N, C-alpha and C. Protein backbone atom coordinates (compact mmCIF):
# COMPACT_ATOMS: atom_id res chain seq x y z
N UNK A 1 87.08 134.36 89.07
CA UNK A 1 87.39 133.10 89.71
C UNK A 1 88.79 133.17 90.30
N UNK A 2 88.94 132.70 91.51
CA UNK A 2 90.21 132.74 92.21
C UNK A 2 91.14 131.67 91.64
N UNK A 3 92.38 132.06 91.41
CA UNK A 3 93.36 131.11 90.88
C UNK A 3 93.98 130.34 92.03
N UNK A 4 94.04 129.04 91.90
CA UNK A 4 94.60 128.18 92.94
C UNK A 4 96.11 128.28 93.03
N UNK A 5 96.63 127.77 94.12
CA UNK A 5 98.08 127.82 94.29
C UNK A 5 98.75 126.51 93.94
N UNK A 6 97.97 125.53 93.51
CA UNK A 6 98.51 124.23 93.12
C UNK A 6 98.28 124.01 91.63
N UNK A 7 99.31 123.54 90.95
CA UNK A 7 99.17 123.21 89.53
C UNK A 7 98.58 121.81 89.40
N UNK A 8 98.19 121.48 88.18
CA UNK A 8 97.66 120.14 87.95
C UNK A 8 98.69 119.07 88.30
N UNK A 9 99.96 119.36 87.98
CA UNK A 9 101.03 118.41 88.28
C UNK A 9 101.12 118.14 89.78
N UNK A 10 101.04 119.21 90.55
CA UNK A 10 101.13 119.07 92.01
C UNK A 10 99.94 118.30 92.56
N UNK A 11 98.77 118.57 92.03
CA UNK A 11 97.56 117.88 92.48
C UNK A 11 97.66 116.38 92.18
N UNK A 12 98.10 116.04 90.98
CA UNK A 12 98.24 114.63 90.60
C UNK A 12 99.26 113.94 91.49
N UNK A 13 100.36 114.64 91.81
CA UNK A 13 101.38 114.05 92.70
C UNK A 13 100.82 113.78 94.09
N UNK A 14 100.01 114.70 94.60
CA UNK A 14 99.38 114.50 95.91
C UNK A 14 98.47 113.27 95.86
N UNK A 15 97.69 113.16 94.81
CA UNK A 15 96.78 112.02 94.68
C UNK A 15 97.53 110.70 94.52
N UNK A 16 98.68 110.75 93.86
CA UNK A 16 99.49 109.53 93.72
C UNK A 16 100.11 109.13 95.06
N UNK A 17 100.45 110.12 95.90
CA UNK A 17 100.94 109.80 97.24
C UNK A 17 99.85 109.06 98.02
N UNK A 18 98.62 109.51 97.86
CA UNK A 18 97.50 108.85 98.53
C UNK A 18 97.33 107.42 98.01
N UNK A 19 97.45 107.25 96.70
CA UNK A 19 97.32 105.92 96.11
C UNK A 19 98.44 104.99 96.58
N UNK A 20 99.59 105.58 96.93
CA UNK A 20 100.73 104.78 97.40
C UNK A 20 100.57 104.37 98.86
N UNK A 21 99.53 104.87 99.53
CA UNK A 21 99.25 104.41 100.88
C UNK A 21 99.26 105.47 101.97
N UNK A 22 99.57 106.71 101.64
CA UNK A 22 99.57 107.77 102.66
C UNK A 22 98.12 108.16 102.96
N UNK A 23 97.81 108.38 104.21
CA UNK A 23 96.43 108.72 104.58
C UNK A 23 96.07 110.13 104.12
N UNK A 24 94.79 110.35 103.90
CA UNK A 24 94.31 111.64 103.44
C UNK A 24 94.61 112.73 104.46
N UNK A 25 94.43 112.45 105.74
CA UNK A 25 94.68 113.47 106.76
C UNK A 25 96.16 113.84 106.82
N UNK A 26 97.06 112.85 106.67
CA UNK A 26 98.49 113.15 106.65
C UNK A 26 98.87 113.99 105.43
N UNK A 27 98.29 113.66 104.30
CA UNK A 27 98.56 114.44 103.08
C UNK A 27 98.09 115.88 103.23
N UNK A 28 96.91 116.05 103.80
CA UNK A 28 96.36 117.39 103.99
C UNK A 28 97.25 118.23 104.89
N UNK A 29 97.72 117.62 105.95
CA UNK A 29 98.63 118.32 106.86
C UNK A 29 99.94 118.66 106.16
N UNK A 30 100.50 117.70 105.45
CA UNK A 30 101.79 117.87 104.77
C UNK A 30 101.75 119.00 103.74
N UNK A 31 100.64 119.08 102.98
CA UNK A 31 100.55 120.04 101.90
C UNK A 31 99.76 121.30 102.26
N UNK A 32 99.23 121.36 103.47
CA UNK A 32 98.52 122.55 103.91
C UNK A 32 97.19 122.77 103.21
N UNK A 33 96.46 121.68 102.98
CA UNK A 33 95.14 121.80 102.33
C UNK A 33 94.08 121.23 103.26
N UNK A 34 92.84 121.61 103.01
CA UNK A 34 91.74 121.08 103.83
C UNK A 34 91.33 119.71 103.32
N UNK A 35 90.63 118.97 104.16
CA UNK A 35 90.11 117.66 103.75
C UNK A 35 89.17 117.82 102.56
N UNK A 36 88.34 118.87 102.60
CA UNK A 36 87.38 119.10 101.52
C UNK A 36 88.10 119.32 100.19
N UNK A 37 89.20 120.07 100.23
CA UNK A 37 89.98 120.30 99.01
C UNK A 37 90.54 119.00 98.47
N UNK A 38 91.10 118.19 99.36
CA UNK A 38 91.65 116.90 98.93
C UNK A 38 90.58 116.05 98.26
N UNK A 39 89.41 115.92 98.88
CA UNK A 39 88.36 115.07 98.32
C UNK A 39 87.79 115.65 97.02
N UNK A 40 87.77 116.97 96.91
CA UNK A 40 87.34 117.60 95.66
C UNK A 40 88.34 117.26 94.54
N UNK A 41 89.63 117.36 94.86
CA UNK A 41 90.66 116.99 93.89
C UNK A 41 90.52 115.53 93.49
N UNK A 42 90.29 114.67 94.47
CA UNK A 42 90.20 113.24 94.20
C UNK A 42 89.03 112.93 93.28
N UNK A 43 87.90 113.59 93.51
CA UNK A 43 86.74 113.33 92.65
C UNK A 43 86.95 113.92 91.26
N UNK A 44 87.69 115.01 91.17
CA UNK A 44 87.88 115.67 89.89
C UNK A 44 89.03 115.08 89.08
N UNK A 45 90.16 114.80 89.74
CA UNK A 45 91.36 114.37 89.04
C UNK A 45 91.75 112.92 89.31
N UNK A 46 91.00 112.20 90.12
CA UNK A 46 91.36 110.84 90.49
C UNK A 46 91.56 109.94 89.28
N UNK A 47 92.68 109.25 89.21
CA UNK A 47 92.97 108.33 88.12
C UNK A 47 93.50 108.99 86.86
N UNK A 48 93.66 110.29 86.87
CA UNK A 48 94.16 110.99 85.68
C UNK A 48 95.68 111.08 85.71
N UNK A 49 96.23 111.21 84.52
CA UNK A 49 97.64 111.55 84.38
C UNK A 49 97.72 113.06 84.18
N UNK A 50 98.93 113.59 84.25
CA UNK A 50 99.12 115.04 84.18
C UNK A 50 98.59 115.61 82.86
N UNK A 51 98.86 114.93 81.75
CA UNK A 51 98.41 115.45 80.44
C UNK A 51 96.88 115.51 80.37
N UNK A 52 96.21 114.52 80.95
CA UNK A 52 94.75 114.52 80.96
C UNK A 52 94.21 115.66 81.82
N UNK A 53 94.86 115.93 82.94
CA UNK A 53 94.43 117.02 83.81
C UNK A 53 94.60 118.36 83.12
N UNK A 54 95.67 118.51 82.36
CA UNK A 54 95.88 119.76 81.61
C UNK A 54 94.79 119.96 80.57
N UNK A 55 94.43 118.88 79.86
CA UNK A 55 93.37 118.97 78.86
C UNK A 55 92.05 119.36 79.51
N UNK A 56 91.75 118.75 80.66
CA UNK A 56 90.52 119.06 81.38
C UNK A 56 90.49 120.54 81.76
N UNK A 57 91.59 121.04 82.29
CA UNK A 57 91.65 122.44 82.71
C UNK A 57 91.46 123.36 81.50
N UNK A 58 92.09 123.04 80.37
CA UNK A 58 91.96 123.86 79.17
C UNK A 58 90.52 123.86 78.66
N UNK A 59 89.87 122.71 78.68
CA UNK A 59 88.48 122.63 78.24
C UNK A 59 87.55 123.40 79.17
N UNK A 60 87.80 123.31 80.46
CA UNK A 60 86.97 124.06 81.41
C UNK A 60 87.14 125.56 81.22
N UNK A 61 88.36 126.00 80.94
CA UNK A 61 88.61 127.42 80.71
C UNK A 61 87.92 127.87 79.42
N UNK A 62 87.99 127.05 78.38
CA UNK A 62 87.32 127.38 77.13
C UNK A 62 85.81 127.47 77.34
N UNK A 63 85.24 126.53 78.07
CA UNK A 63 83.80 126.56 78.37
C UNK A 63 83.42 127.82 79.14
N UNK A 64 84.26 128.19 80.10
CA UNK A 64 83.98 129.40 80.89
C UNK A 64 83.94 130.62 79.99
N UNK A 65 84.90 130.72 79.06
CA UNK A 65 84.95 131.86 78.14
C UNK A 65 83.74 131.88 77.21
N UNK A 66 83.37 130.71 76.71
CA UNK A 66 82.22 130.64 75.81
C UNK A 66 80.92 131.00 76.52
N UNK A 67 80.76 130.56 77.75
CA UNK A 67 79.55 130.90 78.51
C UNK A 67 79.49 132.40 78.77
N UNK A 68 80.66 133.00 78.95
CA UNK A 68 80.70 134.44 79.21
C UNK A 68 80.24 135.23 77.98
N UNK A 69 80.49 134.68 76.80
CA UNK A 69 80.08 135.34 75.56
C UNK A 69 78.57 135.32 75.35
N UNK A 70 77.89 134.36 75.94
CA UNK A 70 76.44 134.23 75.75
C UNK A 70 75.70 135.29 76.45
């Protein structure tokens, strides 16, 4: 799996900028991401705080490792 170039903290900050009123297209241009990436982040991390996003990432990594063992 390819490792992303954005941390959970950065993703949450981008989503908070959007919640503060910045348009999705402006955010995508500013941060150099595609619209699809932004909307994927929004559906995955929308409404989360940084600590919650870290827990989600850790659980997903643990699940990936466990599935690999099967």
